C-alpha atoms as a PDB file:
ATOM      1  CA  MET A   1     -77.392 -29.956   7.672  1.00  0.00           C
ATOM      2  CA  PRO A   2     -75.994 -32.060  10.539  1.00  0.00           C
ATOM      3  CA  ARG A   3     -77.098 -35.240   8.818  1.00  0.00           C
ATOM      4  CA  ILE A   4     -75.257 -34.195   5.671  1.00  0.00           C
ATOM      5  CA  LEU A   5     -72.105 -33.517   7.695  1.00  0.00           C
ATOM      6  CA  LEU A   6     -72.518 -36.827   9.463  1.00  0.00           C
ATOM      7  CA  ALA A   7     -72.929 -38.711   6.184  1.00  0.00           C
ATOM      8  CA  LEU A   8     -70.037 -36.811   4.623  1.00  0.00           C
ATOM      9  CA  GLY A   9     -67.828 -37.563   7.631  1.00  0.00           C
ATOM     10  CA  ILE A  10     -68.670 -41.257   7.583  1.00  0.00           C
ATOM     11  CA  GLY A  11     -68.081 -41.440   3.837  1.00  0.00           C
ATOM     12  CA  LEU A  12     -64.748 -39.620   3.922  1.00  0.00           C
ATOM     13  CA  CYS A  13     -63.499 -41.544   6.951  1.00  0.00           C
ATOM     14  CA  GLY A  14     -64.548 -44.842   5.421  1.00  0.00           C
ATOM     15  CA  TYR A  15     -63.064 -44.159   1.999  1.00  0.00           C
ATOM     16  CA  TYR A  16     -59.794 -42.567   3.061  1.00  0.00           C
ATOM     17  CA  GLY A  17     -59.443 -44.843   6.087  1.00  0.00           C
ATOM     18  CA  THR A  18     -59.534 -47.807   3.735  1.00  0.00           C
ATOM     19  CA  GLU A  19     -57.119 -46.108   1.356  1.00  0.00           C
ATOM     20  CA  TRP A  20     -54.752 -45.354   4.256  1.00  0.00           C
ATOM     21  CA  TYR A  21     -54.985 -48.933   5.516  1.00  0.00           C
ATOM     22  CA  GLU A  22     -54.260 -50.349   2.053  1.00  0.00           C
ATOM     23  CA  MET A  23     -51.306 -48.062   1.317  1.00  0.00           C
ATOM     24  CA  PRO A  24     -48.116 -50.025   0.791  1.00  0.00           C
ATOM     25  CA  ARG A  25     -45.599 -50.004   3.629  1.00  0.00           C
ATOM     26  CA  TYR A  26     -42.151 -49.352   2.182  1.00  0.00           C
ATOM     27  CA  SER A  27     -39.167 -50.821   3.952  1.00  0.00           C
ATOM     28  CA  GLN A  28     -35.731 -49.255   3.849  1.00  0.00           C
ATOM     29  CA  ALA A  29     -34.707 -51.958   1.378  1.00  0.00           C
ATOM     30  CA  ASP A  30     -37.595 -50.979  -0.924  1.00  0.00           C
ATOM     31  CA  ILE A  31     -36.540 -47.337  -0.818  1.00  0.00           C
ATOM     32  CA  ASP A  32     -32.879 -48.265  -1.419  1.00  0.00           C
ATOM     33  CA  ALA A  33     -33.864 -50.384  -4.432  1.00  0.00           C
ATOM     34  CA  SER A  34     -35.966 -47.551  -5.847  1.00  0.00           C
ATOM     35  CA  VAL A  35     -33.116 -45.084  -5.373  1.00  0.00           C
ATOM     36  CA  GLU A  36     -30.645 -47.339  -7.167  1.00  0.00           C
ATOM     37  CA  LEU A  37     -33.065 -48.022 -10.012  1.00  0.00           C
ATOM     38  CA  ASN A  38     -33.775 -44.309 -10.485  1.00  0.00           C
ATOM     39  CA  LEU A  39     -30.054 -43.555 -10.274  1.00  0.00           C
ATOM     40  CA  GLN A  40     -29.293 -46.035 -13.035  1.00  0.00           C
ATOM     41  CA  LEU A  41     -32.070 -44.572 -15.194  1.00  0.00           C
ATOM     42  CA  ASP A  42     -30.698 -41.055 -14.681  1.00  0.00           C
ATOM     43  CA  LEU A  43     -27.189 -42.182 -15.548  1.00  0.00           C
ATOM     44  CA  GLN A  44     -28.402 -43.869 -18.746  1.00  0.00           C
ATOM     45  CA  ARG A  45     -30.270 -40.717 -19.744  1.00  0.00           C
ATOM     46  CA  ARG A  46     -27.133 -38.616 -19.284  1.00  0.00           C
ATOM     47  CA  GLY A  47     -25.041 -40.644 -21.655  1.00  0.00           C
ATOM     48  CA  ALA A  48     -21.406 -41.645 -21.428  1.00  0.00           C
ATOM     49  CA  LEU A  49     -19.953 -38.128 -21.610  1.00  0.00           C
ATOM     50  CA  LEU A  50     -21.963 -36.639 -18.735  1.00  0.00           C
ATOM     51  CA  GLN A  51     -21.295 -39.249 -16.044  1.00  0.00           C
ATOM     52  CA  PRO A  52     -20.668 -37.685 -12.601  1.00  0.00           C
ATOM     53  CA  ASP A  53     -17.633 -38.396 -10.429  1.00  0.00           C
ATOM     54  CA  GLU A  54     -17.933 -40.253  -7.100  1.00  0.00           C
ATOM     55  CA  ALA A  55     -18.951 -37.123  -5.159  1.00  0.00           C
ATOM     56  CA  GLY A  56     -21.473 -36.298  -7.872  1.00  0.00           C
ATOM     57  CA  MET A  57     -22.884 -39.823  -7.643  1.00  0.00           C
ATOM     58  CA  ASP A  58     -23.350 -39.424  -3.895  1.00  0.00           C
ATOM     59  CA  ARG A  59     -25.097 -36.066  -4.357  1.00  0.00           C
ATOM     60  CA  LEU A  60     -27.311 -37.515  -7.087  1.00  0.00           C
ATOM     61  CA  ARG A  61     -28.144 -40.553  -4.947  1.00  0.00           C
ATOM     62  CA  THR A  62     -29.032 -38.287  -2.001  1.00  0.00           C
ATOM     63  CA  MET A  63     -31.201 -36.092  -4.213  1.00  0.00           C
ATOM     64  CA  ILE A  64     -33.044 -39.120  -5.627  1.00  0.00           C
ATOM     65  CA  ARG A  65     -33.585 -40.543  -2.114  1.00  0.00           C
ATOM     66  CA  GLU A  66     -35.128 -37.243  -1.019  1.00  0.00           C
ATOM     67  CA  GLU A  67     -37.432 -37.257  -4.051  1.00  0.00           C
ATOM     68  CA  VAL A  68     -38.552 -40.845  -3.432  1.00  0.00           C
ATOM     69  CA  GLU A  69     -39.206 -40.207   0.264  1.00  0.00           C
ATOM     70  CA  ALA A  70     -41.018 -36.950  -0.563  1.00  0.00           C
ATOM     71  CA  ASP A  71     -43.318 -38.803  -2.990  1.00  0.00           C
ATOM     72  CA  ILE A  72     -44.135 -41.426  -0.363  1.00  0.00           C
ATOM     73  CA  ASN A  73     -44.767 -38.792   2.302  1.00  0.00           C
ATOM     74  CA  ARG A  74     -46.877 -36.653  -0.053  1.00  0.00           C
ATOM     75  CA  ASP A  75     -49.212 -39.563  -0.767  1.00  0.00           C
ATOM     76  CA  LEU A  76     -49.473 -40.410   2.930  1.00  0.00           C
ATOM     77  CA  LYS A  77     -50.160 -36.806   3.948  1.00  0.00           C
ATOM     78  CA  ARG A  78     -52.845 -36.427   1.267  1.00  0.00           C
ATOM     79  CA  VAL A  79     -54.734 -39.457   2.561  1.00  0.00           C
ATOM     80  CA  GLN A  80     -54.269 -38.465   6.211  1.00  0.00           C
ATOM     81  CA  THR A  81     -55.481 -34.914   5.547  1.00  0.00           C
ATOM     82  CA  ARG A  82     -58.622 -36.087   3.801  1.00  0.00           C
ATOM     83  CA  PHE A  83     -59.267 -38.621   6.555  1.00  0.00           C
ATOM     84  CA  GLY A  84     -58.873 -35.785   9.071  1.00  0.00           C
ATOM     85  CA  VAL A  85     -61.409 -33.662   7.177  1.00  0.00           C
ATOM     86  CA  GLY A  86     -63.801 -36.587   7.422  1.00  0.00           C
ATOM     87  CA  LEU A  87     -63.237 -36.816  11.174  1.00  0.00           C
ATOM     88  CA  ILE A  88     -63.888 -33.091  11.565  1.00  0.00           C
ATOM     89  CA  ALA A  89     -67.118 -33.352   9.563  1.00  0.00           C
ATOM     90  CA  LEU A  90     -68.126 -36.350  11.676  1.00  0.00           C
ATOM     91  CA  VAL A  91     -67.473 -34.537  14.968  1.00  0.00           C
ATOM     92  CA  VAL A  92     -69.250 -31.367  13.822  1.00  0.00           C
ATOM     93  CA  GLY A  93     -72.241 -33.374  12.588  1.00  0.00           C
ATOM     94  CA  ILE A  94     -72.521 -35.358  15.829  1.00  0.00           C
ATOM     95  CA  SER A  95     -72.066 -32.219  17.915  1.00  0.00           C
ATOM     96  CA  HIS A  96     -74.794 -30.440  16.002  1.00  0.00           C
ATOM     97  CA  LEU A  97     -77.191 -33.371  16.429  1.00  0.00           C
ATOM     98  CA  VAL A  98     -76.470 -33.541  20.166  1.00  0.00           C
ATOM     99  CA  PHE A  99     -76.975 -29.785  20.496  1.00  0.00           C
ATOM    100  CA  GLN A 100     -80.310 -29.995  18.685  1.00  0.00           C
ATOM    101  CA  ARG A 101     -81.465 -32.812  20.971  1.00  0.00           C
ATOM    102  CA  MET A 102     -80.438 -30.807  24.023  1.00  0.00           C
ATOM    103  CA  LEU A 103     -82.441 -27.809  22.789  1.00  0.00           C
ATOM    104  CA  LYS A 104     -85.508 -29.979  22.188  1.00  0.00           C
ATOM    105  CA  ALA A 105     -85.178 -31.505  25.671  1.00  0.00           C
ATOM    106  CA  GLN A 106     -85.145 -28.040  27.262  1.00  0.00           C
ATOM    107  CA  LYS A 107     -88.422 -27.009  25.595  1.00  0.00           C
END
């Protein structure tokens, strides 16, 4: 059992550590560009008769920014959580192996 946890921990940490390392780093300019692009797409979908006023544009822009940032954070948290599960499995596996060795040494 401890060897399985150890292997699982190494596998999860390796896989999700690599995924975390390779995740794109978004600058504020990248987020701003995404917000403006999504805003323009939303405005085109609405048509000419349903265009918001200036206050409505600001609210829509804020809402889109929150959605974009939430998507980025959701992806990051998913990878970090799975990496953390791998670390826990790794620690439990190592601890179990050490405990077994200590018991054998006492006999």
